[in-house]
N, C-alpha and C. Protein backbone atom coordinates (compact mmCIF):
# COMPACT_ATOMS: atom_id res chain seq x y z
N MET A 1 -21.35 -12.61 -6.46
CA MET A 1 -20.04 -13.21 -6.66
C MET A 1 -20.22 -14.59 -7.26
N THR A 2 -19.38 -14.94 -8.16
CA THR A 2 -19.43 -16.27 -8.74
C THR A 2 -18.48 -17.19 -7.98
N SER A 3 -18.69 -18.48 -8.17
CA SER A 3 -17.82 -19.44 -7.48
C SER A 3 -16.45 -19.51 -8.12
N SER A 4 -16.22 -18.77 -9.22
CA SER A 4 -14.92 -18.81 -9.88
C SER A 4 -13.91 -17.87 -9.24
N ALA A 5 -14.29 -17.14 -8.21
CA ALA A 5 -13.34 -16.25 -7.55
C ALA A 5 -12.19 -17.08 -6.99
N PRO A 6 -10.94 -16.60 -7.16
CA PRO A 6 -9.80 -17.33 -6.59
C PRO A 6 -10.01 -17.54 -5.08
N PRO A 7 -9.44 -18.62 -4.53
CA PRO A 7 -9.69 -18.93 -3.12
C PRO A 7 -9.38 -17.77 -2.16
N GLY A 8 -8.26 -17.08 -2.35
CA GLY A 8 -7.94 -15.97 -1.45
C GLY A 8 -8.93 -14.83 -1.55
N LEU A 9 -9.41 -14.55 -2.76
CA LEU A 9 -10.42 -13.51 -2.94
C LEU A 9 -11.75 -13.95 -2.33
N ALA A 10 -12.10 -15.20 -2.52
CA ALA A 10 -13.33 -15.72 -1.90
C ALA A 10 -13.25 -15.60 -0.38
N ARG A 11 -12.09 -15.87 0.20
CA ARG A 11 -11.93 -15.73 1.65
C ARG A 11 -12.04 -14.27 2.07
N PHE A 12 -11.42 -13.37 1.30
CA PHE A 12 -11.54 -11.94 1.59
C PHE A 12 -13.00 -11.50 1.54
N ASN A 13 -13.73 -11.96 0.54
CA ASN A 13 -15.14 -11.62 0.42
C ASN A 13 -15.96 -12.12 1.61
N ALA A 14 -15.53 -13.25 2.17
CA ALA A 14 -16.31 -13.91 3.21
C ALA A 14 -16.03 -13.42 4.63
N VAL A 15 -14.92 -12.74 4.86
CA VAL A 15 -14.62 -12.32 6.23
C VAL A 15 -15.60 -11.25 6.67
N ASP A 16 -15.75 -11.12 7.98
CA ASP A 16 -16.67 -10.09 8.48
C ASP A 16 -16.06 -8.70 8.27
N ASP A 17 -16.87 -7.68 8.44
CA ASP A 17 -16.44 -6.30 8.16
C ASP A 17 -15.21 -5.90 8.98
N ARG A 18 -15.17 -6.32 10.23
CA ARG A 18 -14.02 -5.96 11.08
C ARG A 18 -12.73 -6.57 10.56
N ASP A 19 -12.79 -7.84 10.18
CA ASP A 19 -11.60 -8.51 9.65
C ASP A 19 -11.21 -7.93 8.29
N ALA A 20 -12.19 -7.59 7.47
CA ALA A 20 -11.89 -6.96 6.18
C ALA A 20 -11.17 -5.64 6.39
N ALA A 21 -11.66 -4.86 7.36
CA ALA A 21 -11.01 -3.57 7.66
C ALA A 21 -9.57 -3.80 8.09
N GLY A 22 -9.32 -4.81 8.90
CA GLY A 22 -7.97 -5.11 9.35
C GLY A 22 -7.07 -5.53 8.20
N LEU A 23 -7.57 -6.38 7.32
CA LEU A 23 -6.78 -6.82 6.17
C LEU A 23 -6.47 -5.64 5.25
N LEU A 24 -7.45 -4.79 5.02
CA LEU A 24 -7.25 -3.65 4.14
C LEU A 24 -6.33 -2.62 4.77
N HIS A 25 -6.36 -2.50 6.09
CA HIS A 25 -5.45 -1.57 6.77
C HIS A 25 -3.99 -2.00 6.59
N GLU A 26 -3.75 -3.30 6.49
CA GLU A 26 -2.40 -3.80 6.21
C GLU A 26 -1.95 -3.43 4.81
N VAL A 27 -2.88 -3.27 3.91
CA VAL A 27 -2.58 -2.87 2.54
C VAL A 27 -2.34 -1.37 2.48
N CYS A 28 -3.25 -0.61 3.11
CA CYS A 28 -3.22 0.86 3.06
C CYS A 28 -3.83 1.39 4.35
N ALA A 29 -3.13 2.29 5.01
CA ALA A 29 -3.58 2.82 6.30
C ALA A 29 -4.73 3.82 6.17
N GLY A 30 -5.09 4.19 4.97
CA GLY A 30 -6.17 5.16 4.78
C GLY A 30 -7.53 4.52 5.10
N ARG A 31 -8.19 5.03 6.13
CA ARG A 31 -9.49 4.47 6.53
C ARG A 31 -10.55 4.67 5.46
N ALA A 32 -10.57 5.83 4.81
CA ALA A 32 -11.57 6.08 3.77
C ALA A 32 -11.37 5.12 2.60
N TRP A 33 -10.11 4.90 2.24
CA TRP A 33 -9.82 3.95 1.16
C TRP A 33 -10.31 2.55 1.54
N GLY A 34 -9.94 2.09 2.74
CA GLY A 34 -10.33 0.76 3.19
C GLY A 34 -11.84 0.59 3.26
N ALA A 35 -12.53 1.62 3.75
CA ALA A 35 -13.99 1.54 3.85
C ALA A 35 -14.62 1.43 2.47
N ALA A 36 -14.12 2.20 1.52
CA ALA A 36 -14.67 2.15 0.16
C ALA A 36 -14.45 0.79 -0.48
N VAL A 37 -13.26 0.22 -0.30
CA VAL A 37 -12.96 -1.08 -0.89
C VAL A 37 -13.81 -2.16 -0.21
N ALA A 38 -13.92 -2.11 1.10
CA ALA A 38 -14.71 -3.11 1.83
C ALA A 38 -16.18 -3.07 1.42
N ARG A 39 -16.70 -1.86 1.21
CA ARG A 39 -18.12 -1.70 0.83
C ARG A 39 -18.45 -2.38 -0.49
N GLY A 40 -17.47 -2.53 -1.36
CA GLY A 40 -17.70 -3.12 -2.67
C GLY A 40 -17.78 -4.63 -2.70
N ARG A 41 -17.49 -5.26 -1.56
CA ARG A 41 -17.51 -6.73 -1.53
C ARG A 41 -18.93 -7.22 -1.73
N PRO A 42 -19.09 -8.37 -2.34
CA PRO A 42 -18.07 -9.31 -2.80
C PRO A 42 -17.59 -8.96 -4.21
N TYR A 43 -16.36 -9.32 -4.49
CA TYR A 43 -15.75 -9.12 -5.80
C TYR A 43 -15.67 -10.47 -6.51
N ALA A 44 -16.06 -10.49 -7.78
CA ALA A 44 -16.02 -11.74 -8.54
C ALA A 44 -14.62 -12.07 -9.02
N THR A 45 -13.82 -11.02 -9.26
CA THR A 45 -12.46 -11.25 -9.78
C THR A 45 -11.49 -10.30 -9.08
N VAL A 46 -10.23 -10.64 -9.13
CA VAL A 46 -9.20 -9.77 -8.59
C VAL A 46 -9.21 -8.45 -9.36
N GLY A 47 -9.47 -8.51 -10.65
CA GLY A 47 -9.57 -7.30 -11.47
C GLY A 47 -10.62 -6.34 -10.95
N GLU A 48 -11.77 -6.87 -10.53
CA GLU A 48 -12.82 -6.02 -9.95
C GLU A 48 -12.34 -5.39 -8.65
N LEU A 49 -11.65 -6.17 -7.83
CA LEU A 49 -11.11 -5.65 -6.57
C LEU A 49 -10.11 -4.53 -6.85
N LEU A 50 -9.23 -4.73 -7.80
CA LEU A 50 -8.22 -3.71 -8.12
C LEU A 50 -8.87 -2.45 -8.71
N ALA A 51 -9.90 -2.62 -9.51
CA ALA A 51 -10.62 -1.47 -10.06
C ALA A 51 -11.29 -0.68 -8.93
N ALA A 52 -11.85 -1.38 -7.97
CA ALA A 52 -12.47 -0.70 -6.82
C ALA A 52 -11.42 0.03 -6.00
N ALA A 53 -10.25 -0.60 -5.85
CA ALA A 53 -9.15 0.05 -5.11
C ALA A 53 -8.70 1.32 -5.82
N ASP A 54 -8.61 1.26 -7.15
CA ASP A 54 -8.23 2.43 -7.93
C ASP A 54 -9.26 3.55 -7.78
N ALA A 55 -10.53 3.18 -7.86
CA ALA A 55 -11.60 4.19 -7.72
C ALA A 55 -11.58 4.80 -6.33
N ALA A 56 -11.34 3.98 -5.31
CA ALA A 56 -11.26 4.50 -3.94
C ALA A 56 -10.08 5.46 -3.80
N MET A 57 -8.95 5.13 -4.41
CA MET A 57 -7.77 5.99 -4.35
C MET A 57 -8.06 7.32 -5.03
N ALA A 58 -8.71 7.28 -6.18
CA ALA A 58 -9.03 8.50 -6.92
C ALA A 58 -9.96 9.41 -6.12
N GLY A 59 -10.78 8.84 -5.26
CA GLY A 59 -11.73 9.61 -4.48
C GLY A 59 -11.22 10.16 -3.17
N LEU A 60 -9.98 9.87 -2.81
CA LEU A 60 -9.46 10.35 -1.53
C LEU A 60 -9.26 11.86 -1.54
N THR A 61 -9.63 12.48 -0.44
CA THR A 61 -9.34 13.90 -0.25
C THR A 61 -7.86 14.04 0.09
N ALA A 62 -7.37 15.26 0.13
CA ALA A 62 -5.97 15.50 0.51
C ALA A 62 -5.71 14.97 1.92
N ALA A 63 -6.67 15.15 2.83
CA ALA A 63 -6.51 14.66 4.21
C ALA A 63 -6.49 13.13 4.24
N ASP A 64 -7.36 12.50 3.46
CA ASP A 64 -7.38 11.03 3.39
C ASP A 64 -6.06 10.50 2.84
N LEU A 65 -5.55 11.17 1.82
CA LEU A 65 -4.29 10.77 1.22
C LEU A 65 -3.15 10.92 2.23
N ALA A 66 -3.16 12.00 2.98
CA ALA A 66 -2.13 12.22 4.01
C ALA A 66 -2.19 11.10 5.06
N GLU A 67 -3.38 10.70 5.45
CA GLU A 67 -3.52 9.61 6.42
C GLU A 67 -2.94 8.31 5.85
N ALA A 68 -3.22 8.04 4.59
CA ALA A 68 -2.72 6.82 3.96
C ALA A 68 -1.20 6.82 3.86
N MET A 69 -0.63 7.98 3.57
CA MET A 69 0.83 8.09 3.43
C MET A 69 1.55 8.02 4.77
N ALA A 70 0.91 8.43 5.82
CA ALA A 70 1.56 8.55 7.13
C ALA A 70 2.13 7.22 7.63
N ALA A 71 1.59 6.13 7.19
CA ALA A 71 2.04 4.82 7.66
C ALA A 71 3.26 4.30 6.91
N HIS A 72 3.66 5.00 5.85
CA HIS A 72 4.79 4.51 5.05
C HIS A 72 6.11 5.01 5.60
N PRO A 73 7.05 4.07 5.81
CA PRO A 73 8.37 4.47 6.29
C PRO A 73 9.18 5.10 5.16
N PRO A 74 10.21 5.85 5.50
CA PRO A 74 11.07 6.43 4.46
C PRO A 74 11.72 5.34 3.61
N ILE A 75 11.91 5.64 2.33
CA ILE A 75 12.64 4.73 1.45
C ILE A 75 14.06 4.60 2.00
N GLY A 76 14.52 3.37 2.12
CA GLY A 76 15.85 3.11 2.65
C GLY A 76 15.83 2.75 4.12
N ARG A 77 14.68 2.91 4.77
CA ARG A 77 14.59 2.58 6.19
C ARG A 77 13.21 2.00 6.50
N PRO A 78 12.96 0.75 6.07
CA PRO A 78 11.67 0.13 6.40
C PRO A 78 11.50 0.04 7.91
N ALA A 79 10.27 0.16 8.34
CA ALA A 79 9.99 0.06 9.77
C ALA A 79 10.32 -1.35 10.26
N PRO A 80 10.91 -1.48 11.45
CA PRO A 80 11.20 -2.80 12.00
C PRO A 80 9.93 -3.66 12.05
N GLY A 81 10.04 -4.86 11.56
CA GLY A 81 8.91 -5.77 11.58
C GLY A 81 7.93 -5.58 10.44
N ASP A 82 8.15 -4.61 9.56
CA ASP A 82 7.26 -4.36 8.43
C ASP A 82 7.78 -5.14 7.23
N ALA A 83 7.32 -6.39 7.13
CA ALA A 83 7.81 -7.28 6.08
C ALA A 83 7.46 -6.76 4.69
N ALA A 84 6.29 -6.16 4.54
CA ALA A 84 5.89 -5.66 3.22
C ALA A 84 6.85 -4.57 2.74
N SER A 85 7.13 -3.59 3.60
CA SER A 85 8.04 -2.51 3.20
C SER A 85 9.45 -3.03 2.95
N ALA A 86 9.91 -3.94 3.79
CA ALA A 86 11.25 -4.50 3.61
C ALA A 86 11.34 -5.23 2.27
N ARG A 87 10.30 -6.01 1.93
CA ARG A 87 10.28 -6.74 0.66
C ARG A 87 10.25 -5.74 -0.51
N GLU A 88 9.41 -4.72 -0.40
CA GLU A 88 9.25 -3.74 -1.47
C GLU A 88 10.51 -2.91 -1.68
N GLN A 89 11.26 -2.66 -0.60
CA GLN A 89 12.46 -1.84 -0.69
C GLN A 89 13.73 -2.66 -0.84
N SER A 90 13.60 -3.90 -1.22
CA SER A 90 14.78 -4.78 -1.28
C SER A 90 15.79 -4.35 -2.34
N GLY A 91 15.42 -3.47 -3.26
CA GLY A 91 16.34 -3.00 -4.28
C GLY A 91 17.32 -1.94 -3.80
N VAL A 92 17.17 -1.49 -2.55
CA VAL A 92 18.07 -0.47 -2.00
C VAL A 92 19.31 -1.13 -1.42
N ARG A 93 20.47 -0.71 -1.91
CA ARG A 93 21.73 -1.22 -1.39
C ARG A 93 22.17 -0.38 -0.20
N ASP A 94 22.97 -0.96 0.64
CA ASP A 94 23.46 -0.24 1.83
C ASP A 94 24.13 1.07 1.45
N ALA A 95 24.86 1.09 0.34
CA ALA A 95 25.60 2.28 -0.08
C ALA A 95 24.65 3.43 -0.45
N GLU A 96 23.40 3.12 -0.77
CA GLU A 96 22.44 4.15 -1.18
C GLU A 96 21.60 4.68 -0.02
N ARG A 97 21.57 3.95 1.08
CA ARG A 97 20.68 4.29 2.19
C ARG A 97 20.92 5.69 2.76
N ALA A 98 22.16 6.05 2.96
CA ALA A 98 22.47 7.36 3.57
C ALA A 98 21.96 8.50 2.69
N GLU A 99 22.21 8.42 1.39
CA GLU A 99 21.74 9.49 0.50
C GLU A 99 20.21 9.50 0.42
N LEU A 100 19.61 8.33 0.38
CA LEU A 100 18.15 8.27 0.37
C LEU A 100 17.56 8.92 1.62
N LEU A 101 18.13 8.61 2.76
CA LEU A 101 17.62 9.18 4.01
C LEU A 101 17.83 10.70 4.05
N GLU A 102 18.97 11.17 3.59
CA GLU A 102 19.26 12.60 3.57
C GLU A 102 18.27 13.34 2.64
N LEU A 103 18.08 12.79 1.44
CA LEU A 103 17.14 13.42 0.51
C LEU A 103 15.71 13.30 0.99
N ASN A 104 15.38 12.19 1.67
CA ASN A 104 14.05 12.02 2.25
C ASN A 104 13.76 13.14 3.24
N LEU A 105 14.75 13.48 4.07
CA LEU A 105 14.56 14.56 5.04
C LEU A 105 14.31 15.89 4.35
N ALA A 106 15.07 16.18 3.29
CA ALA A 106 14.86 17.42 2.54
C ALA A 106 13.49 17.41 1.86
N TYR A 107 13.11 16.29 1.32
CA TYR A 107 11.80 16.16 0.67
C TYR A 107 10.69 16.38 1.70
N GLN A 108 10.84 15.73 2.85
CA GLN A 108 9.82 15.85 3.90
C GLN A 108 9.71 17.29 4.39
N GLU A 109 10.82 17.97 4.49
CA GLU A 109 10.81 19.36 4.91
C GLU A 109 10.05 20.21 3.89
N ARG A 110 10.25 19.92 2.63
CA ARG A 110 9.59 20.70 1.56
C ARG A 110 8.11 20.35 1.41
N HIS A 111 7.78 19.05 1.48
CA HIS A 111 6.43 18.59 1.17
C HIS A 111 5.59 18.19 2.38
N GLY A 112 6.21 18.04 3.54
CA GLY A 112 5.45 17.72 4.74
C GLY A 112 5.12 16.25 4.93
N HIS A 113 5.70 15.38 4.12
CA HIS A 113 5.48 13.94 4.26
C HIS A 113 6.66 13.21 3.64
N VAL A 114 6.76 11.91 3.96
CA VAL A 114 7.85 11.13 3.40
C VAL A 114 7.69 11.00 1.89
N PHE A 115 8.80 10.80 1.22
CA PHE A 115 8.80 10.52 -0.21
C PHE A 115 8.18 9.16 -0.41
N LEU A 116 7.16 9.08 -1.23
CA LEU A 116 6.45 7.83 -1.46
C LEU A 116 6.62 7.43 -2.93
N ILE A 117 7.07 6.21 -3.12
CA ILE A 117 7.25 5.66 -4.46
C ILE A 117 6.98 4.17 -4.39
N CYS A 118 6.43 3.63 -5.44
CA CYS A 118 6.26 2.18 -5.52
C CYS A 118 7.64 1.60 -5.76
N ALA A 119 8.22 1.05 -4.72
CA ALA A 119 9.62 0.59 -4.76
C ALA A 119 9.78 -0.80 -5.35
N THR A 120 8.70 -1.55 -5.45
CA THR A 120 8.79 -2.92 -5.95
C THR A 120 9.39 -2.94 -7.35
N GLY A 121 10.47 -3.71 -7.48
CA GLY A 121 11.12 -3.86 -8.78
C GLY A 121 12.06 -2.73 -9.16
N ARG A 122 12.19 -1.73 -8.31
CA ARG A 122 13.08 -0.61 -8.62
C ARG A 122 14.37 -0.74 -7.84
N THR A 123 15.44 -0.28 -8.46
CA THR A 123 16.73 -0.26 -7.77
C THR A 123 16.81 0.98 -6.89
N GLY A 124 17.74 0.98 -5.99
CA GLY A 124 17.97 2.15 -5.17
C GLY A 124 18.32 3.37 -6.01
N GLU A 125 19.11 3.16 -7.05
CA GLU A 125 19.49 4.27 -7.93
C GLU A 125 18.27 4.85 -8.65
N GLU A 126 17.36 4.01 -9.07
CA GLU A 126 16.13 4.50 -9.71
C GLU A 126 15.30 5.33 -8.73
N MET A 127 15.24 4.88 -7.49
CA MET A 127 14.48 5.62 -6.49
C MET A 127 15.17 6.94 -6.16
N LEU A 128 16.49 6.93 -6.09
CA LEU A 128 17.24 8.17 -5.87
C LEU A 128 16.99 9.17 -7.00
N ALA A 129 17.00 8.69 -8.23
CA ALA A 129 16.76 9.58 -9.38
C ALA A 129 15.36 10.18 -9.30
N ALA A 130 14.37 9.36 -8.95
CA ALA A 130 13.00 9.88 -8.83
C ALA A 130 12.90 10.89 -7.69
N LEU A 131 13.56 10.62 -6.60
CA LEU A 131 13.55 11.54 -5.46
C LEU A 131 14.20 12.86 -5.82
N ARG A 132 15.33 12.79 -6.50
CA ARG A 132 16.01 14.03 -6.93
C ARG A 132 15.11 14.86 -7.85
N ALA A 133 14.37 14.21 -8.72
CA ALA A 133 13.49 14.93 -9.65
C ALA A 133 12.24 15.46 -8.95
N ARG A 134 11.66 14.66 -8.09
CA ARG A 134 10.37 15.03 -7.49
C ARG A 134 10.48 16.02 -6.35
N ILE A 135 11.62 16.16 -5.75
CA ILE A 135 11.77 17.07 -4.61
C ILE A 135 11.42 18.50 -5.01
N HIS A 136 11.55 18.83 -6.28
CA HIS A 136 11.33 20.19 -6.76
C HIS A 136 9.89 20.45 -7.21
N HIS A 137 9.04 19.45 -7.19
CA HIS A 137 7.66 19.63 -7.63
C HIS A 137 6.88 20.55 -6.68
N ASP A 138 5.84 21.17 -7.23
CA ASP A 138 4.92 21.91 -6.37
C ASP A 138 4.02 20.90 -5.66
N ALA A 139 3.32 21.35 -4.63
CA ALA A 139 2.53 20.45 -3.78
C ALA A 139 1.44 19.71 -4.56
N ASP A 140 0.74 20.39 -5.46
CA ASP A 140 -0.34 19.74 -6.19
C ASP A 140 0.18 18.64 -7.12
N THR A 141 1.25 18.94 -7.84
CA THR A 141 1.85 17.94 -8.74
C THR A 141 2.31 16.73 -7.94
N GLU A 142 2.99 16.99 -6.85
CA GLU A 142 3.53 15.89 -6.04
C GLU A 142 2.41 15.07 -5.42
N ARG A 143 1.34 15.71 -4.97
CA ARG A 143 0.22 14.98 -4.36
C ARG A 143 -0.37 13.99 -5.37
N GLU A 144 -0.50 14.38 -6.63
CA GLU A 144 -1.06 13.48 -7.63
C GLU A 144 -0.09 12.35 -7.99
N ILE A 145 1.19 12.63 -7.99
CA ILE A 145 2.17 11.56 -8.20
C ILE A 145 2.12 10.58 -7.04
N VAL A 146 2.03 11.10 -5.83
CA VAL A 146 1.93 10.24 -4.65
C VAL A 146 0.67 9.38 -4.72
N ARG A 147 -0.44 9.97 -5.15
CA ARG A 147 -1.69 9.21 -5.28
C ARG A 147 -1.49 8.03 -6.25
N THR A 148 -0.82 8.29 -7.38
CA THR A 148 -0.56 7.24 -8.36
C THR A 148 0.36 6.17 -7.78
N GLU A 149 1.43 6.59 -7.12
CA GLU A 149 2.38 5.64 -6.54
C GLU A 149 1.73 4.79 -5.45
N LEU A 150 0.93 5.43 -4.61
CA LEU A 150 0.23 4.69 -3.55
C LEU A 150 -0.76 3.71 -4.16
N GLY A 151 -1.41 4.10 -5.24
CA GLY A 151 -2.31 3.18 -5.93
C GLY A 151 -1.57 1.95 -6.44
N LYS A 152 -0.36 2.14 -6.97
CA LYS A 152 0.45 1.00 -7.44
C LYS A 152 0.81 0.08 -6.27
N ILE A 153 1.22 0.69 -5.15
CA ILE A 153 1.56 -0.10 -3.96
C ILE A 153 0.35 -0.91 -3.51
N ASN A 154 -0.80 -0.26 -3.45
CA ASN A 154 -2.02 -0.95 -3.00
C ASN A 154 -2.37 -2.11 -3.92
N ARG A 155 -2.22 -1.92 -5.23
CA ARG A 155 -2.52 -2.99 -6.18
C ARG A 155 -1.62 -4.20 -5.93
N ILE A 156 -0.34 -3.95 -5.73
CA ILE A 156 0.60 -5.05 -5.47
C ILE A 156 0.23 -5.76 -4.17
N ARG A 157 -0.05 -4.99 -3.15
CA ARG A 157 -0.37 -5.60 -1.85
C ARG A 157 -1.71 -6.33 -1.89
N LEU A 158 -2.70 -5.79 -2.59
CA LEU A 158 -3.99 -6.49 -2.70
C LEU A 158 -3.84 -7.79 -3.47
N THR A 159 -3.08 -7.76 -4.54
CA THR A 159 -2.87 -8.97 -5.32
C THR A 159 -2.19 -10.03 -4.45
N ARG A 160 -1.19 -9.61 -3.70
CA ARG A 160 -0.51 -10.53 -2.80
C ARG A 160 -1.48 -11.07 -1.74
N LEU A 161 -2.32 -10.20 -1.21
CA LEU A 161 -3.32 -10.63 -0.22
C LEU A 161 -4.21 -11.72 -0.80
N THR A 162 -4.70 -11.52 -2.01
CA THR A 162 -5.60 -12.52 -2.59
C THR A 162 -4.88 -13.81 -2.94
N GLU A 163 -3.57 -13.74 -3.08
CA GLU A 163 -2.79 -14.96 -3.37
C GLU A 163 -2.39 -15.72 -2.11
N THR A 164 -2.37 -15.02 -0.98
CA THR A 164 -1.83 -15.65 0.24
C THR A 164 -2.86 -15.83 1.35
N LEU A 165 -4.02 -15.23 1.23
CA LEU A 165 -5.02 -15.31 2.31
C LEU A 165 -5.49 -16.74 2.47
N ARG A 166 -5.34 -17.24 3.64
CA ARG A 166 -5.70 -18.62 3.93
C ARG A 166 -7.03 -18.67 4.66
N ALA A 167 -7.61 -19.84 4.59
CA ALA A 167 -8.86 -20.06 5.32
C ALA A 167 -8.57 -19.95 6.81
N PRO A 168 -9.53 -19.45 7.58
CA PRO A 168 -9.31 -19.37 9.03
C PRO A 168 -9.08 -20.77 9.60
N ARG A 169 -8.22 -20.82 10.59
CA ARG A 169 -7.91 -22.10 11.24
C ARG A 169 -9.10 -22.52 12.07
N ALA A 170 -9.52 -23.74 11.88
CA ALA A 170 -10.62 -24.27 12.68
C ALA A 170 -10.09 -24.55 14.09
N PRO A 171 -10.90 -24.26 15.10
CA PRO A 171 -10.44 -24.53 16.46
C PRO A 171 -10.17 -26.02 16.67
N ALA A 172 -9.08 -26.31 17.35
CA ALA A 172 -8.78 -27.71 17.69
C ALA A 172 -9.76 -28.19 18.71
N GLU A 173 -9.87 -29.48 18.80
CA GLU A 173 -10.80 -30.04 19.78
C GLU A 173 -10.44 -29.54 21.18
N GLY A 174 -11.42 -29.09 21.90
CA GLY A 174 -11.20 -28.56 23.24
C GLY A 174 -10.93 -27.07 23.27
N GLU A 175 -10.78 -26.38 22.10
CA GLU A 175 -10.52 -24.94 22.06
C GLU A 175 -11.78 -24.12 21.99
N ARG A 176 -12.90 -24.75 21.79
CA ARG A 176 -14.13 -23.99 21.58
C ARG A 176 -14.53 -23.34 22.80
């Protein structure tokens, strides 16, 4: 790693394996994905980190992908306390939530998992249109679309992580 790594990336590179696993789990719940990304440290650039994340996503088995998706709440109903999902789904208006939830249930019944889409920057209507179109896909087609969408989500979250990761707080006097 070169010293030109952005501060947040340098901090990510420097944390121990357990802390790296925890940070990566906040990005994506898939353990195989997180392990693959963590193994590639240190990263010289955010671009290298994102490329490793993409490669890890491409290598996930169907079971690994299912594990990664399981942590995502339905579009229109972010999990309480999940700031990332709430921020990402901010384009959903109250008037769209009921239809999104209804279609999510139909999608889940057909595909066995929640509808997953990179919601950042999309309106509720755009997500509804995608849901209406994708509900009819076969399992293999939908799994690959989900893999792509999850990869987009992970890239956004990793970029945010490298921009916001702060140095660990030094213990105050008397806390040691």
